[in-house]
Amino acid sequence: MISAGKIFSYKKAIVLIAVILLFLISLLGLFNPFNQFTENTFTKLTGQRSLDTSIIIIHINGTDIEKLGGWPLKRSYYALVVDKLTNAGVSKIGIEVLLSNNAAIESVYNDLLNEEIKRNGRVVVSALITNDVGTDSVIYSQPKLDNPNLASGHLNYISDDGIYIPNSIKINGKPEKSFSSALANKDFDDNRIKINFYNSWKNYQNYSLLEFFRMVEENDGNLVNFKNKIVLVGVSDPSIAKTISTGFDKELPGVALHAFALDNILTNRSLNFRLSSYLALVFLLPLIVVILFKTRLQRSHAAMIYFFSFLIIAYILLTFFFIEVNYSAVLIPTVAYLLIKFGFNLSESKAKLLDTFNESEILKRALAIKEEELAGLQNRLGTISNEQHSGLTSKIILLEDEISR
């Protein structure tokens, strides 16, 4: 059995192994929820940032669906939206709803929608990449099937330690752009972007479908705000549209997700995640120095300063440069180091206390023996001659001094 003293002699190696092991585990993504929590906390501390004002959302909520005859809506309503937005002079229209080919009640509605899309000339429809049988295939909206030259973009995204959108997915050798990059009409060297959610989607200029129809009917003056804007049309009813949670929204619908992706593309504010692990390694090196070498401060104090310094630097990188760090790869090893250090200190203190207690017991026994010896000498003092008296007195004084010490 290894003694406590032996363990203490290896404490540097134990701490270093624990820190490196936790760092490597973090790189595997096991602490991604912690990364997401840290990033959401930083985002909330920064507060809501301005959104791109060139983006408008027309969302279809539960009330719209109920009053317009239930889901799915007739294609005539989409045709009407495209017609009125065309008249309002918008620069682009993105229909985020996947208009499947079996959803139309009457073919005349499809023809009407196709005519309006053709008249506008700047409509992007949605598509969906599936992998049901082991190979990727694409499901296009009906207008794209009717007109293969119509612009389209996939709605797929990856949910991990955030939301990633593949900029382009190849299907049978043919690339299918993302919905947001098709709207932005932009090509990328990177294979995906990570969306930066820096506000609530409700702070975009947004209208429900019935609100928009009411504005058109009343010739509302706010219709001039649509001129030269990019308008996304999609569903916000959570019973139909899949939602995600962000730092500012508990339920963010797909149409808003792609609005943020478009916003990130247009403003170059998507999250830079590619250096996150390399930066974490660089930031971890000072902690390793603290573990291995003596510092002017106590190691635990130096580690605490390092911990809060990293938080400040990471916050600045995210807030002002949109650069992510693998927070868990730095923070979790640092916390582990502090806890292990505290555990070692506590164990050493207990060991020292036990040694002190044992030493105290030995001293008490020695003291009792000397006190007994002193009592014996004092008893003898009255029974000896004057010649022996001075020598015995000297011994008594010496013994009293030892007992006092």
Protein backbone atom coordinates (compact mmCIF):
# COMPACT_ATOMS: atom_id res chain seq x y z
CA MET A 1 0.00 0.00 0.00
CA ILE A 2 1.35 3.42 -1.00
CA SER A 3 1.77 5.75 1.96
CA ALA A 4 0.41 9.30 2.07
CA GLY A 5 3.97 10.64 2.12
CA LYS A 6 4.76 8.71 -1.07
CA ILE A 7 1.66 10.13 -2.77
CA PHE A 8 2.63 13.68 -1.73
CA SER A 9 6.06 13.20 -3.33
CA TYR A 10 4.33 12.55 -6.67
CA LYS A 11 1.71 15.29 -6.40
CA LYS A 12 3.17 17.40 -9.27
CA ALA A 13 3.00 14.43 -11.60
CA ILE A 14 -0.53 13.54 -10.43
CA VAL A 15 -1.79 17.11 -10.96
CA LEU A 16 -0.10 17.40 -14.37
CA ILE A 17 -1.56 14.08 -15.58
CA ALA A 18 -5.06 15.11 -14.40
CA VAL A 19 -4.83 18.49 -16.16
CA ILE A 20 -3.60 17.00 -19.45
CA LEU A 21 -6.18 14.20 -19.33
CA LEU A 22 -9.06 16.65 -18.79
CA PHE A 23 -7.72 18.83 -21.61
CA LEU A 24 -7.72 15.86 -24.02
CA ILE A 25 -11.24 14.81 -22.91
CA SER A 26 -12.42 18.38 -23.62
CA LEU A 27 -11.07 18.14 -27.16
CA LEU A 28 -13.30 15.10 -27.72
CA GLY A 29 -16.36 17.29 -27.17
CA LEU A 30 -17.57 15.67 -23.95
CA PHE A 31 -17.90 19.08 -22.29
CA ASN A 32 -19.66 20.84 -25.19
CA PRO A 33 -22.69 21.77 -23.03
CA PHE A 34 -20.28 23.62 -20.73
CA ASN A 35 -18.83 25.46 -23.75
CA GLN A 36 -22.32 26.43 -24.88
CA PHE A 37 -23.24 27.63 -21.38
CA THR A 38 -20.07 29.74 -21.15
CA GLU A 39 -20.65 31.28 -24.56
CA ASN A 40 -24.30 32.06 -23.80
CA THR A 41 -23.19 33.71 -20.54
CA PHE A 42 -20.66 35.89 -22.40
CA THR A 43 -23.32 36.81 -24.97
CA LYS A 44 -25.80 37.81 -22.27
CA LEU A 45 -23.14 39.90 -20.52
CA THR A 46 -22.49 41.75 -23.79
CA GLY A 47 -26.20 42.37 -24.32
CA GLN A 48 -28.18 42.49 -27.52
CA ARG A 49 -26.30 43.76 -30.56
CA SER A 50 -27.73 45.52 -33.59
CA LEU A 51 -29.18 43.31 -36.31
CA ASP A 52 -28.84 43.76 -40.05
CA THR A 53 -31.70 46.07 -41.00
CA SER A 54 -31.79 44.76 -44.57
CA ILE A 55 -33.51 41.57 -43.33
CA ILE A 56 -37.27 41.28 -42.72
CA ILE A 57 -39.12 38.18 -41.50
CA ILE A 58 -42.71 37.30 -42.39
CA HIS A 59 -43.60 34.43 -40.10
CA ILE A 60 -46.64 32.15 -40.10
CA ASN A 61 -47.85 31.70 -36.52
CA GLY A 62 -50.57 29.53 -35.00
CA THR A 63 -53.24 32.22 -35.41
CA ASP A 64 -52.39 32.62 -39.11
CA ILE A 65 -52.68 28.88 -39.66
CA GLU A 66 -55.99 28.65 -37.82
CA LYS A 67 -57.60 31.59 -39.65
CA LEU A 68 -56.28 30.64 -43.08
CA GLY A 69 -57.72 27.13 -43.08
CA GLY A 70 -55.15 24.98 -41.27
CA TRP A 71 -51.82 23.46 -42.23
CA PRO A 72 -50.56 23.22 -44.92
CA LEU A 73 -51.58 26.61 -46.27
CA LYS A 74 -52.82 26.88 -49.81
CA ARG A 75 -50.17 27.89 -52.36
CA SER A 76 -52.33 30.86 -53.28
CA TYR A 77 -51.28 32.56 -50.02
CA TYR A 78 -47.60 32.19 -50.89
CA ALA A 79 -48.36 33.48 -54.37
CA LEU A 80 -50.08 36.50 -52.81
CA VAL A 81 -47.06 37.16 -50.54
CA VAL A 82 -44.65 37.01 -53.48
CA ASP A 83 -46.91 39.29 -55.55
CA LYS A 84 -47.19 41.95 -52.82
CA LEU A 85 -43.49 41.80 -51.95
CA THR A 86 -42.62 42.18 -55.63
CA ASN A 87 -44.82 45.27 -55.77
CA ALA A 88 -43.09 46.60 -52.62
CA GLY A 89 -39.71 46.44 -54.41
CA VAL A 90 -37.90 43.90 -52.21
CA SER A 91 -34.45 42.80 -53.36
CA LYS A 92 -34.90 39.08 -52.57
CA ILE A 93 -37.51 36.69 -51.22
CA GLY A 94 -36.64 33.47 -49.41
CA ILE A 95 -39.46 30.97 -48.90
CA GLU A 96 -38.18 28.88 -46.00
CA VAL A 97 -41.25 26.59 -46.05
CA LEU A 98 -40.53 23.32 -47.86
CA LEU A 99 -43.36 23.24 -50.41
CA SER A 100 -43.52 19.50 -51.03
CA ASN A 101 -45.05 18.23 -54.26
CA ASN A 102 -47.93 16.41 -52.55
CA ALA A 103 -49.13 19.35 -50.46
CA ALA A 104 -51.02 21.36 -53.08
CA ILE A 105 -54.77 20.97 -53.00
CA GLU A 106 -55.24 22.12 -56.60
CA SER A 107 -52.62 22.35 -59.32
CA VAL A 108 -53.85 25.81 -60.26
CA TYR A 109 -52.34 27.14 -57.01
CA ASN A 110 -48.94 25.77 -57.99
CA ASP A 111 -49.23 27.43 -61.40
CA LEU A 112 -50.19 30.71 -59.77
CA LEU A 113 -47.20 30.55 -57.39
CA ASN A 114 -44.83 29.65 -60.22
CA GLU A 115 -46.05 32.63 -62.24
CA GLU A 116 -45.45 35.04 -59.36
CA ILE A 117 -42.00 33.56 -58.65
CA LYS A 118 -41.09 33.93 -62.34
CA ARG A 119 -42.38 37.52 -62.39
CA ASN A 120 -40.25 38.41 -59.39
CA GLY A 121 -37.10 36.67 -60.61
CA ARG A 122 -35.36 36.94 -57.24
CA VAL A 123 -37.01 34.17 -55.21
CA VAL A 124 -35.05 31.44 -53.39
CA VAL A 125 -36.96 28.31 -52.37
CA SER A 126 -35.93 25.74 -49.80
CA ALA A 127 -34.63 22.21 -50.13
CA LEU A 128 -33.83 19.44 -47.67
CA ILE A 129 -30.91 16.99 -47.78
CA THR A 130 -31.87 13.52 -46.47
CA ASN A 131 -29.89 10.36 -45.82
CA ASP A 132 -32.66 7.78 -45.38
CA VAL A 133 -31.07 4.93 -47.35
CA GLY A 134 -27.40 5.54 -46.61
CA THR A 135 -26.84 7.98 -49.47
CA ASP A 136 -27.57 11.69 -49.60
CA SER A 137 -30.54 12.83 -51.64
CA VAL A 138 -32.28 16.17 -51.95
CA ILE A 139 -35.95 17.01 -51.61
CA TYR A 140 -36.80 20.16 -53.56
CA SER A 141 -39.78 22.45 -53.15
CA GLN A 142 -42.39 22.00 -55.87
CA PRO A 143 -41.54 25.30 -57.66
CA LYS A 144 -37.94 24.05 -58.10
CA LEU A 145 -39.21 20.79 -59.61
CA ASP A 146 -41.35 22.80 -62.01
CA ASN A 147 -38.48 25.16 -62.83
CA PRO A 148 -35.02 23.56 -62.36
CA ASN A 149 -33.32 26.92 -62.97
CA LEU A 150 -34.97 28.43 -59.90
CA ALA A 151 -32.53 29.32 -57.08
CA SER A 152 -32.76 27.04 -54.05
CA GLY A 153 -30.90 26.37 -50.82
CA HIS A 154 -30.87 23.55 -48.27
CA LEU A 155 -32.25 24.04 -44.74
CA ASN A 156 -29.92 21.53 -43.07
CA TYR A 157 -27.89 22.43 -40.00
CA ILE A 158 -25.76 20.63 -37.42
CA SER A 159 -26.44 21.04 -33.70
CA ASP A 160 -23.35 20.39 -31.58
CA ASP A 161 -21.70 22.97 -29.32
CA GLY A 162 -23.73 25.49 -31.30
CA ILE A 163 -25.45 25.64 -34.68
CA TYR A 164 -23.38 24.95 -37.79
CA ILE A 165 -24.67 25.31 -41.35
CA PRO A 166 -22.88 23.56 -44.23
CA ASN A 167 -22.32 26.22 -46.88
CA SER A 168 -22.71 23.67 -49.65
CA ILE A 169 -23.56 19.97 -49.83
CA LYS A 170 -22.78 17.93 -52.92
CA ILE A 171 -25.53 15.64 -54.15
CA ASN A 172 -24.51 13.37 -57.02
CA GLY A 173 -21.63 15.73 -57.74
CA LYS A 174 -23.87 18.80 -57.83
CA PRO A 175 -23.47 21.37 -55.02
CA GLU A 176 -26.56 22.57 -53.17
CA LYS A 177 -25.93 25.87 -51.38
CA SER A 178 -27.37 26.61 -47.98
CA PHE A 179 -30.58 28.64 -47.92
CA SER A 180 -28.79 31.62 -46.36
CA SER A 181 -25.81 31.62 -48.74
CA ALA A 182 -28.18 31.32 -51.73
CA LEU A 183 -30.02 34.41 -50.46
CA ALA A 184 -26.72 36.23 -49.91
CA ASN A 185 -25.55 34.99 -53.33
CA LYS A 186 -22.14 34.29 -51.86
CA ASP A 187 -19.68 31.44 -52.30
CA PHE A 188 -17.43 30.25 -49.46
CA ASP A 189 -14.05 28.62 -49.17
CA ASP A 190 -15.04 27.27 -45.75
CA ASN A 191 -17.29 24.22 -45.69
CA ARG A 192 -19.53 25.55 -42.93
CA ILE A 193 -20.30 28.54 -40.72
CA LYS A 194 -21.17 28.67 -37.05
CA ILE A 195 -24.05 31.02 -36.32
CA ASN A 196 -23.57 33.87 -33.89
CA PHE A 197 -26.89 34.56 -32.15
CA TYR A 198 -26.37 38.07 -30.73
CA ASN A 199 -29.98 39.18 -30.33
CA SER A 200 -33.54 37.91 -30.11
CA TRP A 201 -35.07 37.07 -33.46
CA LYS A 202 -38.12 39.15 -32.48
CA ASN A 203 -35.97 42.27 -32.80
CA TYR A 204 -35.72 41.79 -36.55
CA GLN A 205 -38.34 43.77 -38.40
CA ASN A 206 -40.95 41.02 -38.45
CA TYR A 207 -44.64 40.58 -39.23
CA SER A 208 -47.02 37.68 -39.00
CA LEU A 209 -48.57 36.65 -42.32
CA LEU A 210 -51.96 38.17 -41.45
CA GLU A 211 -50.28 41.37 -40.25
CA PHE A 212 -48.56 41.67 -43.63
CA PHE A 213 -51.83 41.05 -45.51
CA ARG A 214 -53.52 43.68 -43.34
CA MET A 215 -50.77 46.20 -44.14
CA VAL A 216 -51.24 45.57 -47.85
CA GLU A 217 -55.02 45.84 -47.60
CA GLU A 218 -54.78 49.12 -45.68
CA ASN A 219 -51.93 50.42 -47.85
CA ASP A 220 -49.91 50.93 -44.68
CA GLY A 221 -47.12 53.48 -44.94
CA ASN A 222 -44.66 51.00 -43.43
CA LEU A 223 -44.70 49.07 -46.69
CA VAL A 224 -42.03 51.49 -47.96
CA ASN A 225 -39.66 49.83 -45.44
CA PHE A 226 -39.72 46.67 -47.57
CA LYS A 227 -38.01 48.35 -50.53
CA ASN A 228 -34.62 46.76 -51.33
CA LYS A 229 -34.87 44.42 -48.33
CA ILE A 230 -34.37 40.65 -48.15
CA VAL A 231 -37.57 39.03 -46.89
CA LEU A 232 -37.69 35.54 -45.39
CA VAL A 233 -41.05 33.77 -45.25
CA GLY A 234 -41.39 30.82 -42.87
CA VAL A 235 -43.29 29.18 -40.03
CA SER A 236 -42.93 30.31 -36.39
CA ASP A 237 -45.61 28.06 -34.85
CA PRO A 238 -43.59 25.66 -32.60
CA SER A 239 -46.15 22.89 -33.10
CA ILE A 240 -45.11 22.76 -36.77
CA ALA A 241 -41.66 24.31 -37.03
CA LYS A 242 -38.72 22.81 -35.18
CA THR A 243 -37.18 25.30 -32.75
CA ILE A 244 -33.82 25.70 -31.03
CA SER A 245 -32.78 27.53 -27.87
CA THR A 246 -30.28 30.41 -27.84
CA GLY A 247 -29.00 32.87 -25.28
CA PHE A 248 -31.86 35.26 -26.12
CA ASP A 249 -34.67 32.95 -27.28
CA LYS A 250 -36.04 29.78 -25.72
CA GLU A 251 -37.81 28.95 -28.99
CA LEU A 252 -36.15 30.21 -32.15
CA PRO A 253 -37.88 28.93 -35.31
CA GLY A 254 -36.11 27.78 -38.45
CA VAL A 255 -36.96 30.92 -40.43
CA ALA A 256 -35.22 33.01 -37.76
CA LEU A 257 -32.26 30.62 -37.65
CA HIS A 258 -31.68 31.18 -41.36
CA ALA A 259 -32.23 34.92 -40.90
CA PHE A 260 -29.35 34.93 -38.40
CA ALA A 261 -27.21 32.85 -40.78
CA LEU A 262 -27.89 35.38 -43.54
CA ASP A 263 -27.18 38.23 -41.11
CA ASN A 264 -23.83 36.61 -40.14
CA ILE A 265 -22.88 36.25 -43.79
CA LEU A 266 -23.78 39.81 -44.74
CA THR A 267 -22.02 41.37 -41.73
CA ASN A 268 -19.11 38.88 -41.42
CA ARG A 269 -20.07 38.18 -37.80
CA SER A 270 -20.23 34.39 -37.84
CA LEU A 271 -18.23 32.68 -35.09
CA ASN A 272 -14.62 31.80 -35.82
CA PHE A 273 -14.40 28.32 -34.27
CA ARG A 274 -11.52 26.76 -36.19
CA LEU A 275 -8.75 27.85 -33.84
CA SER A 276 -10.65 27.12 -30.62
CA SER A 277 -8.65 24.02 -29.61
CA TYR A 278 -5.28 25.49 -30.62
CA LEU A 279 -6.01 28.62 -28.61
CA ALA A 280 -7.02 26.47 -25.64
CA LEU A 281 -3.64 24.71 -25.80
CA VAL A 282 -1.83 28.06 -25.88
CA PHE A 283 -3.88 29.31 -22.92
CA LEU A 284 -3.22 26.09 -20.97
CA LEU A 285 0.57 26.51 -21.09
CA PRO A 286 0.71 29.16 -18.29
CA LEU A 287 -1.19 26.77 -16.00
CA ILE A 288 1.39 24.05 -16.69
CA VAL A 289 4.15 26.57 -15.85
CA VAL A 290 2.38 27.33 -12.55
CA ILE A 291 2.21 23.59 -11.76
CA LEU A 292 5.84 22.81 -12.60
CA PHE A 293 7.75 25.89 -11.45
CA LYS A 294 7.82 28.09 -8.38
CA THR A 295 6.25 31.53 -8.66
CA ARG A 296 6.38 34.60 -6.45
CA LEU A 297 2.76 33.98 -5.55
CA GLN A 298 1.44 30.82 -4.00
CA ARG A 299 0.51 28.35 -6.74
CA SER A 300 -3.19 28.38 -5.84
CA HIS A 301 -3.26 32.21 -5.93
CA ALA A 302 -1.44 32.23 -9.28
CA ALA A 303 -3.94 29.68 -10.66
CA MET A 304 -6.89 31.82 -9.51
CA ILE A 305 -5.44 34.90 -11.21
CA TYR A 306 -4.85 32.81 -14.34
CA PHE A 307 -8.46 31.52 -14.23
CA PHE A 308 -10.04 34.98 -14.16
CA SER A 309 -7.52 36.41 -16.65
CA PHE A 310 -8.47 33.70 -19.13
CA LEU A 311 -12.18 34.49 -18.70
CA ILE A 312 -11.53 38.17 -19.45
CA ILE A 313 -9.38 37.43 -22.53
CA ALA A 314 -11.86 34.82 -23.84
CA TYR A 315 -14.72 37.29 -23.36
CA ILE A 316 -12.85 39.99 -25.32
CA LEU A 317 -12.02 37.56 -28.15
CA LEU A 318 -15.67 36.50 -28.49
CA THR A 319 -17.26 39.94 -28.03
CA PHE A 320 -15.03 42.02 -30.27
CA PHE A 321 -13.48 39.52 -32.69
CA PHE A 322 -16.10 36.68 -32.70
CA ILE A 323 -13.29 34.21 -31.96
CA GLU A 324 -14.17 31.14 -29.91
CA VAL A 325 -11.91 29.28 -27.51
CA ASN A 326 -12.56 25.76 -26.27
CA TYR A 327 -13.48 27.10 -22.83
CA SER A 328 -13.84 23.70 -21.17
CA ALA A 329 -10.32 22.71 -22.25
CA VAL A 330 -8.93 25.53 -20.11
CA LEU A 331 -11.44 26.16 -17.33
CA ILE A 332 -12.15 22.55 -16.31
CA PRO A 333 -8.45 21.57 -15.96
CA THR A 334 -7.85 24.78 -13.96
CA VAL A 335 -10.73 24.07 -11.58
CA ALA A 336 -9.53 20.45 -11.29
CA TYR A 337 -6.03 21.68 -10.43
CA LEU A 338 -7.36 23.98 -7.70
CA LEU A 339 -9.52 21.19 -6.23
CA ILE A 340 -6.66 18.66 -6.28
CA LYS A 341 -4.30 21.25 -4.79
CA PHE A 342 -6.85 21.97 -2.06
CA GLY A 343 -7.22 18.23 -1.41
CA PHE A 344 -3.44 17.76 -1.11
CA ASN A 345 -3.14 20.79 1.18
CA LEU A 346 -5.94 19.48 3.37
CA SER A 347 -4.36 16.01 3.57
CA GLU A 348 -0.94 17.47 4.38
CA SER A 349 -2.46 19.67 7.08
CA LYS A 350 -4.15 16.65 8.63
CA ALA A 351 -0.88 14.70 8.51
CA LYS A 352 0.99 17.59 10.16
CA LEU A 353 -1.74 17.90 12.78
CA LEU A 354 -1.48 14.19 13.53
CA ASP A 355 2.31 14.47 13.82
CA THR A 356 1.90 17.43 16.15
CA PHE A 357 -0.61 15.50 18.23
CA ASN A 358 1.76 12.53 18.53
CA GLU A 359 4.66 14.81 19.46
CA SER A 360 2.47 16.47 22.07
CA GLU A 361 1.66 13.09 23.62
CA ILE A 362 5.38 12.23 23.81
CA LEU A 363 6.13 15.57 25.44
CA LYS A 364 3.32 15.09 27.95
CA ARG A 365 4.74 11.71 28.97
CA ALA A 366 8.25 13.16 29.25
CA LEU A 367 6.87 16.05 31.29
CA ALA A 368 5.07 13.69 33.66
CA ILE A 369 8.30 11.73 34.21
CA LYS A 370 10.27 14.89 34.95
CA GLU A 371 7.56 16.22 37.29
CA GLU A 372 7.63 12.90 39.14
CA GLU A 373 11.42 13.10 39.34
CA LEU A 374 11.16 16.69 40.64
CA ALA A 375 8.69 15.67 43.34
CA GLY A 376 11.09 12.90 44.42
CA LEU A 377 14.03 15.31 44.66
CA GLN A 378 11.96 17.82 46.63
CA ASN A 379 10.96 15.08 49.10
CA ARG A 380 14.60 14.10 49.55
CA LEU A 381 15.61 17.71 50.22
CA GLY A 382 14.36 17.53 53.85
CA THR A 383 16.19 14.29 54.66
CA ILE A 384 19.75 15.03 53.56
CA SER A 385 22.70 16.79 55.20
CA ASN A 386 23.73 20.35 54.59
CA GLU A 387 26.73 19.22 52.57
CA GLN A 388 24.48 17.43 50.06
CA HIS A 389 21.86 20.18 50.11
CA SER A 390 23.47 22.56 47.57
CA GLY A 391 24.04 19.85 44.96
CA LEU A 392 20.44 18.62 45.20
CA THR A 393 19.14 22.21 45.01
CA SER A 394 21.06 22.73 41.75
CA LYS A 395 19.49 19.60 40.27
CA ILE A 396 16.03 20.78 41.33
CA ILE A 397 16.54 24.23 39.70
CA LEU A 398 17.79 22.59 36.48
CA LEU A 399 14.83 20.21 36.39
CA GLU A 400 12.35 23.03 37.05
CA ASP A 401 13.86 24.96 34.12
CA GLU A 402 13.46 21.94 31.82
CA ILE A 403 9.84 21.47 32.94
CA SER A 404 9.12 25.15 32.35
CA ARG A 405 10.51 24.97 28.81
